[in-house]
Structures are given as C-alpha cells and as structure tokens.
Amino acid sequence: MTAGSPGLGGSRVDGVLFDIDDTLVDTRGAFGAALEQIVTTYLPQAAGRQDEVLAHWRADVDGHYARYTRAELGYREQRMARANALHAEFGGAVLDEASYAAWDEVFEAGFSSAWTAHAEAAAAVDVLISSGVAVGALSNAGTAYQTSKLERVGLGARVPMLVGVDTLGVGKPDPAVFLEACRRLGTVPARTVYVGDELDVDARAAVEAGLLGVWVDRPGPRRTEISEDEVQAARALGVAVVRSLSELPGLLGR
C-alpha cells in the first residue's frame, strides 16, 4: 500500500516515529554487556547475580533518568546517581567524581561496543520506507549520542534522528516533543504513529499528544511491572500492542 492508506484502527498513516532504545536497538542486551564489566571491575561480590544487577539498573526505581528528561538533573548527574544506587544495592563503594569518571569509562565502553539493532528492525523500517511512509526517530537521550547509535547499528541512513532530549530541553512524555518531531518529519500528528517500548512515556503519551501510539511489548522481563488493567486501559485509549517490529507493517496496512 502507499502512504496515506488506512492503517492503525482505520486511521491514515503518513509517518512513523520510532523510539530508539529497546525499540530499534537492543539496549537491554547492551546494558547487560556493560554491567558485566561493572560487576567484574567494581562489584565482584555480585558475580552470578547479573540478572538482578541488570533489572535494578533498568528499573531506575528512584527515577533519576526521568528527572533528567524533565531537565531537573544533568546527564552526568543522573548517570552518577544511578551508579551509586547500584553500588548501594550490591555492596559497592560510594563513587565520588573521580572514581565515577573511571566507572563511566568502563560502563560506556562495554555499552557502546554491544549496540546492535533488533533483528527485525531494518526489515520493518524498509517496508515502511518502500511504501512511502516518512520515518524518523524521537528519543529521550541526546541527539548526537543517539545519532551515533543509529549509525553504529546500520540504521542511520534510514532513520534520521529528529528530536532528542536536548532539542527542546525536555523529553517524553511532554507533548511538545511529539509535536516537534511531527513538524520535523513533515506529517500531522493524527496521521503519525509513535512506536516505543514503554507503555506510559511512549505509547500512551503519544496518544495523549494527538498521535497514534504503538507499544512494543517484547518477550522477556519488562523494565517495570505493568498490570493487565494498565494494558487494557491503554488499549481503550487507542494504544496498539505488538510483540515485535515485524508486526508493525501489517498493523499499519503495509
């Protein structure tokens, strides 16, 4: 089908905006690789508990990264706070500015070297592009950082990074970032789909901003607990749920 053909819930779709981390890119896997290095170097007492370490990091129960997206913390501040929270949970030493700098070098080297696209991501993007759909990315991380990530995994030429947390100074779920991404994509919100792995700040927030929302609920442990009532409430709001990006073209009528 061509751009503007009926798709999600009968709506006409001209554009698709993608989240990046754990949507296009296997960030959970990359975090796992980074944290293996952290356990070896800083938390040897947590050896054999890597799944717990990864779950703790991804959950970010104190909401440091969310505060960063609300411009309440700087990027380095939130990462250092999360590192110290991880150490507190698993018996590591408190990190000061100097020791955190060394810690972050270990973490970032392991993290960035493990960036890979999800296996189905490129094919799904190619189907959308070939059918005339405009494609771009909106992320709660920095624009330059995410651009390099997309390039590293082979999607940079196909999925331009349009809006990051540094574009307007805030991130999702603020409606302004969704609307700005649509403006840059050249599509109207009501005919633009946002695809992300977080039910609240991605899919629901997109719908509340006037876009069409798709939640990618991949198999495996979720970042946080989500009740079936929450899922059903999101569906009632208009959120569509897929288990893989391979389902996306069919959902949009491609």
Protein backbone atom coordinates (compact mmCIF):
# COMPACT_ATOMS: atom_id res chain seq x y z
CA MET A 1 0.00 0.00 0.00
CA THR A 2 1.06 3.60 -0.42
CA ALA A 3 1.44 6.41 2.07
CA GLY A 4 -1.85 7.71 3.35
CA SER A 5 -3.57 4.32 3.17
CA PRO A 6 -5.70 3.13 6.11
CA GLY A 7 -3.68 1.61 8.93
CA LEU A 8 -3.91 1.63 12.71
CA GLY A 9 -7.56 1.49 13.71
CA GLY A 10 -8.59 2.70 10.26
CA SER A 11 -6.52 5.88 10.63
CA ARG A 12 -4.50 7.09 7.66
CA VAL A 13 -0.78 6.93 8.34
CA ASP A 14 1.77 9.17 6.63
CA GLY A 15 4.64 8.93 9.11
CA VAL A 16 6.17 6.70 11.76
CA LEU A 17 8.37 7.99 14.56
CA PHE A 18 10.48 5.45 16.44
CA ASP A 19 11.86 5.40 19.92
CA ILE A 20 15.42 4.02 19.75
CA ASP A 21 16.41 2.22 22.95
CA ASP A 22 14.79 -1.20 23.26
CA THR A 23 12.65 -0.36 20.24
CA LEU A 24 15.08 -0.26 17.31
CA VAL A 25 18.21 -1.08 19.32
CA ASP A 26 18.68 -3.95 21.77
CA THR A 27 19.62 -1.67 24.64
CA ARG A 28 18.74 -4.26 27.28
CA GLY A 29 21.40 -6.53 25.80
CA ALA A 30 23.92 -3.68 25.62
CA PHE A 31 23.24 -2.74 29.25
CA GLY A 32 23.82 -6.37 30.17
CA ALA A 33 27.21 -6.30 28.46
CA ALA A 34 28.16 -3.04 30.18
CA LEU A 35 27.10 -4.25 33.59
CA GLU A 36 29.04 -7.47 33.23
CA GLN A 37 32.14 -5.28 33.04
CA ILE A 38 30.97 -3.25 36.03
CA VAL A 39 30.41 -6.39 38.11
CA THR A 40 33.85 -7.73 37.19
CA THR A 41 35.61 -4.45 37.96
CA TYR A 42 33.59 -2.93 40.81
CA LEU A 43 31.07 -5.44 42.17
CA PRO A 44 32.76 -8.85 42.29
CA GLN A 45 30.54 -9.75 45.24
CA ALA A 46 27.59 -9.65 42.81
CA ALA A 47 29.09 -12.24 40.46
CA GLY A 48 26.38 -14.67 39.44
CA ARG A 49 23.68 -12.06 40.05
CA GLN A 50 23.96 -10.28 36.73
CA ASP A 51 20.24 -10.63 36.02
CA GLU A 52 19.46 -8.82 39.27
CA VAL A 53 22.03 -6.14 38.53
CA LEU A 54 20.56 -5.57 35.07
CA ALA A 55 17.00 -5.47 36.41
CA HIS A 56 17.99 -2.91 39.05
CA TRP A 57 19.71 -0.69 36.52
CA ARG A 58 16.84 -0.80 34.02
CA ALA A 59 14.16 -0.18 36.66
CA ASP A 60 15.82 3.03 37.94
CA VAL A 61 13.34 2.98 40.81
CA ASP A 62 14.45 6.39 42.08
CA GLY A 63 13.56 7.96 38.73
CA HIS A 64 16.90 9.62 38.07
CA TYR A 65 16.62 9.34 34.29
CA ALA A 66 13.06 10.65 34.36
CA ARG A 67 14.32 13.68 36.26
CA TYR A 68 16.91 14.19 33.53
CA THR A 69 14.18 14.19 30.87
CA ARG A 70 12.35 16.84 32.90
CA ALA A 71 15.51 19.00 32.96
CA GLU A 72 15.82 18.54 36.74
CA LEU A 73 19.20 16.76 36.52
CA GLY A 74 22.09 16.86 34.07
CA TYR A 75 23.07 13.75 32.14
CA ARG A 76 26.23 13.12 34.16
CA GLU A 77 24.39 13.74 37.43
CA GLN A 78 21.69 11.19 36.68
CA ARG A 79 24.18 8.55 35.48
CA MET A 80 26.34 9.03 38.60
CA ALA A 81 23.28 8.84 40.85
CA ARG A 82 22.22 5.59 39.19
CA ALA A 83 25.74 4.19 39.53
CA ASN A 84 25.79 4.95 43.24
CA ALA A 85 22.31 3.49 43.69
CA LEU A 86 23.54 0.30 42.01
CA HIS A 87 26.59 0.16 44.27
CA ALA A 88 24.45 0.74 47.35
CA GLU A 89 22.19 -2.16 46.36
CA PHE A 90 25.01 -4.62 45.63
CA GLY A 91 27.64 -3.64 48.18
CA GLY A 92 29.93 -1.41 46.15
CA ALA A 93 31.91 1.59 47.29
CA VAL A 94 30.47 5.09 47.08
CA LEU A 95 31.67 6.79 43.90
CA ASP A 96 32.99 10.34 44.08
CA GLU A 97 33.56 12.50 41.00
CA ALA A 98 36.96 10.97 40.19
CA SER A 99 36.02 7.35 40.78
CA TYR A 100 32.76 7.80 38.91
CA ALA A 101 34.65 9.10 35.85
CA ALA A 102 36.65 5.87 35.76
CA TRP A 103 33.48 3.82 36.37
CA ASP A 104 31.70 5.52 33.48
CA GLU A 105 34.56 4.78 31.10
CA VAL A 106 34.22 1.07 31.88
CA PHE A 107 30.44 1.22 31.55
CA GLU A 108 30.36 3.22 28.33
CA ALA A 109 33.00 1.09 26.62
CA GLY A 110 31.02 -2.07 27.34
CA PHE A 111 27.71 -0.43 26.48
CA SER A 112 28.59 1.16 23.14
CA SER A 113 30.56 -1.84 21.91
CA ALA A 114 27.45 -4.01 22.35
CA TRP A 115 24.97 -1.81 20.44
CA THR A 116 23.05 -3.87 17.88
CA ALA A 117 19.74 -3.38 16.13
CA HIS A 118 16.91 -5.76 16.91
CA ALA A 119 16.91 -8.48 14.29
CA GLU A 120 13.64 -7.40 12.69
CA ALA A 121 14.18 -3.63 12.86
CA ALA A 122 15.80 -2.98 9.48
CA ALA A 123 13.27 -5.07 7.55
CA ALA A 124 10.32 -3.33 9.23
CA VAL A 125 11.77 0.10 8.52
CA ASP A 126 12.46 -0.83 4.90
CA VAL A 127 8.86 -1.92 4.34
CA LEU A 128 7.59 1.40 5.66
CA ILE A 129 10.00 3.45 3.58
CA SER A 130 9.27 1.47 0.42
CA SER A 131 5.55 2.12 0.89
CA GLY A 132 6.14 5.87 1.05
CA VAL A 133 5.89 6.38 4.80
CA ALA A 134 8.10 9.11 6.31
CA VAL A 135 10.30 7.67 9.08
CA GLY A 136 12.27 9.32 11.87
CA ALA A 137 13.35 8.94 15.49
CA LEU A 138 12.35 10.67 18.72
CA SER A 139 14.32 9.75 21.84
CA ASN A 140 14.76 10.77 25.45
CA ALA A 141 18.54 10.73 25.04
CA GLY A 142 20.84 13.31 23.47
CA THR A 143 20.62 13.88 19.72
CA ALA A 144 24.32 13.39 18.89
CA TYR A 145 24.57 10.30 21.09
CA GLN A 146 21.54 8.68 19.50
CA THR A 147 22.64 9.62 16.01
CA SER A 148 25.91 7.79 16.59
CA LYS A 149 23.98 4.81 17.95
CA LEU A 150 21.76 4.60 14.86
CA GLU A 151 24.80 4.86 12.62
CA ARG A 152 26.62 2.15 14.57
CA VAL A 153 23.76 -0.33 14.14
CA GLY A 154 23.28 0.42 10.44
CA LEU A 155 20.06 2.45 10.62
CA GLY A 156 21.46 5.97 10.43
CA ALA A 157 20.80 6.42 6.72
CA ARG A 158 17.21 5.21 7.03
CA VAL A 159 16.03 6.60 10.36
CA PRO A 160 17.07 10.23 10.88
CA MET A 161 17.32 11.37 14.48
CA LEU A 162 14.81 14.24 14.65
CA VAL A 163 14.27 15.11 18.30
CA GLY A 164 16.27 14.33 21.43
CA VAL A 165 16.00 15.50 25.00
CA ASP A 166 18.35 18.37 24.14
CA THR A 167 16.15 19.67 21.29
CA LEU A 168 13.57 21.41 23.50
CA GLY A 169 15.25 20.84 26.85
CA VAL A 170 12.70 18.24 27.95
CA GLY A 171 11.74 14.75 26.85
CA LYS A 172 8.77 12.40 26.67
CA PRO A 173 6.04 12.36 27.93
CA ASP A 174 5.88 16.12 27.30
CA PRO A 175 3.51 16.58 24.32
CA ALA A 176 5.75 19.27 22.86
CA VAL A 177 8.46 16.80 21.87
CA PHE A 178 5.99 14.63 19.95
CA LEU A 179 4.59 17.63 18.12
CA GLU A 180 8.05 18.95 17.28
CA ALA A 181 9.05 15.54 15.90
CA CYS A 182 5.96 15.52 13.69
CA ARG A 183 6.79 19.01 12.47
CA ARG A 184 10.30 17.95 11.53
CA LEU A 185 9.01 14.76 9.92
CA GLY A 186 6.54 16.81 7.88
CA THR A 187 3.41 14.96 8.99
CA VAL A 188 0.35 15.90 11.03
CA PRO A 189 0.11 14.22 14.46
CA ALA A 190 -3.20 12.48 13.76
CA ARG A 191 -1.60 10.64 10.84
CA THR A 192 1.68 9.87 12.60
CA VAL A 193 2.45 6.74 14.59
CA TYR A 194 4.86 6.70 17.52
CA VAL A 195 6.40 3.31 18.30
CA GLY A 196 8.14 2.65 21.61
CA ASP A 197 8.87 0.06 24.27
CA GLU A 198 7.46 1.98 27.24
CA LEU A 199 3.71 1.94 27.70
CA ASP A 200 3.47 5.20 29.62
CA VAL A 201 6.04 7.66 28.23
CA ASP A 202 5.94 6.24 24.70
CA ALA A 203 2.60 4.82 23.56
CA ARG A 204 0.17 6.47 25.98
CA ALA A 205 1.98 9.80 25.88
CA ALA A 206 1.92 9.75 22.08
CA VAL A 207 -1.84 9.20 22.04
CA GLU A 208 -2.34 11.96 24.60
CA ALA A 209 -0.30 14.28 22.34
CA GLY A 210 -2.60 13.51 19.41
CA LEU A 211 -0.55 10.84 17.66
CA LEU A 212 -1.25 7.14 17.17
CA GLY A 213 0.58 5.03 19.76
CA VAL A 214 2.11 1.57 19.41
CA TRP A 215 3.66 -0.25 22.36
CA VAL A 216 6.32 -2.85 21.57
CA ASP A 217 5.93 -5.36 24.40
CA ARG A 218 8.73 -7.79 23.58
CA PRO A 219 9.01 -11.17 25.30
CA GLY A 220 11.17 -11.12 28.41
CA PRO A 221 11.25 -9.12 31.63
CA ARG A 222 9.75 -5.65 31.42
CA ARG A 223 11.61 -2.65 32.79
CA THR A 224 8.90 -2.15 35.41
CA GLU A 225 5.83 -4.08 36.45
CA ILE A 226 2.74 -3.33 34.37
CA SER A 227 -0.63 -4.72 35.36
CA GLU A 228 -3.14 -6.13 32.91
CA ASP A 229 -5.52 -3.36 33.99
CA GLU A 230 -2.94 -0.79 32.82
CA VAL A 231 -2.58 -2.57 29.49
CA GLN A 232 -6.34 -2.71 28.96
CA ALA A 233 -6.71 0.95 29.90
CA ALA A 234 -4.07 1.85 27.32
CA ARG A 235 -5.82 -0.24 24.67
CA ALA A 236 -9.08 1.55 25.48
CA LEU A 237 -7.28 4.84 24.95
CA GLY A 238 -6.27 3.65 21.47
CA VAL A 239 -2.81 2.16 22.06
CA ALA A 240 -1.98 -0.82 19.85
CA VAL A 241 0.28 -3.56 21.22
CA VAL A 242 2.79 -5.63 19.23
CA ARG A 243 5.38 -8.17 20.34
CA SER A 244 7.87 -7.37 17.59
CA LEU A 245 8.51 -4.70 15.00
CA SER A 246 7.84 -7.35 12.38
CA GLU A 247 4.14 -6.90 13.23
CA LEU A 248 4.22 -3.15 12.58
CA PRO A 249 3.87 -3.01 8.76
CA GLY A 250 0.82 -5.29 8.86
CA LEU A 251 -0.71 -3.26 11.68
CA LEU A 252 -0.35 -0.15 9.53
CA GLY A 253 -1.73 -1.82 6.44
CA ARG A 254 1.62 -2.20 4.67
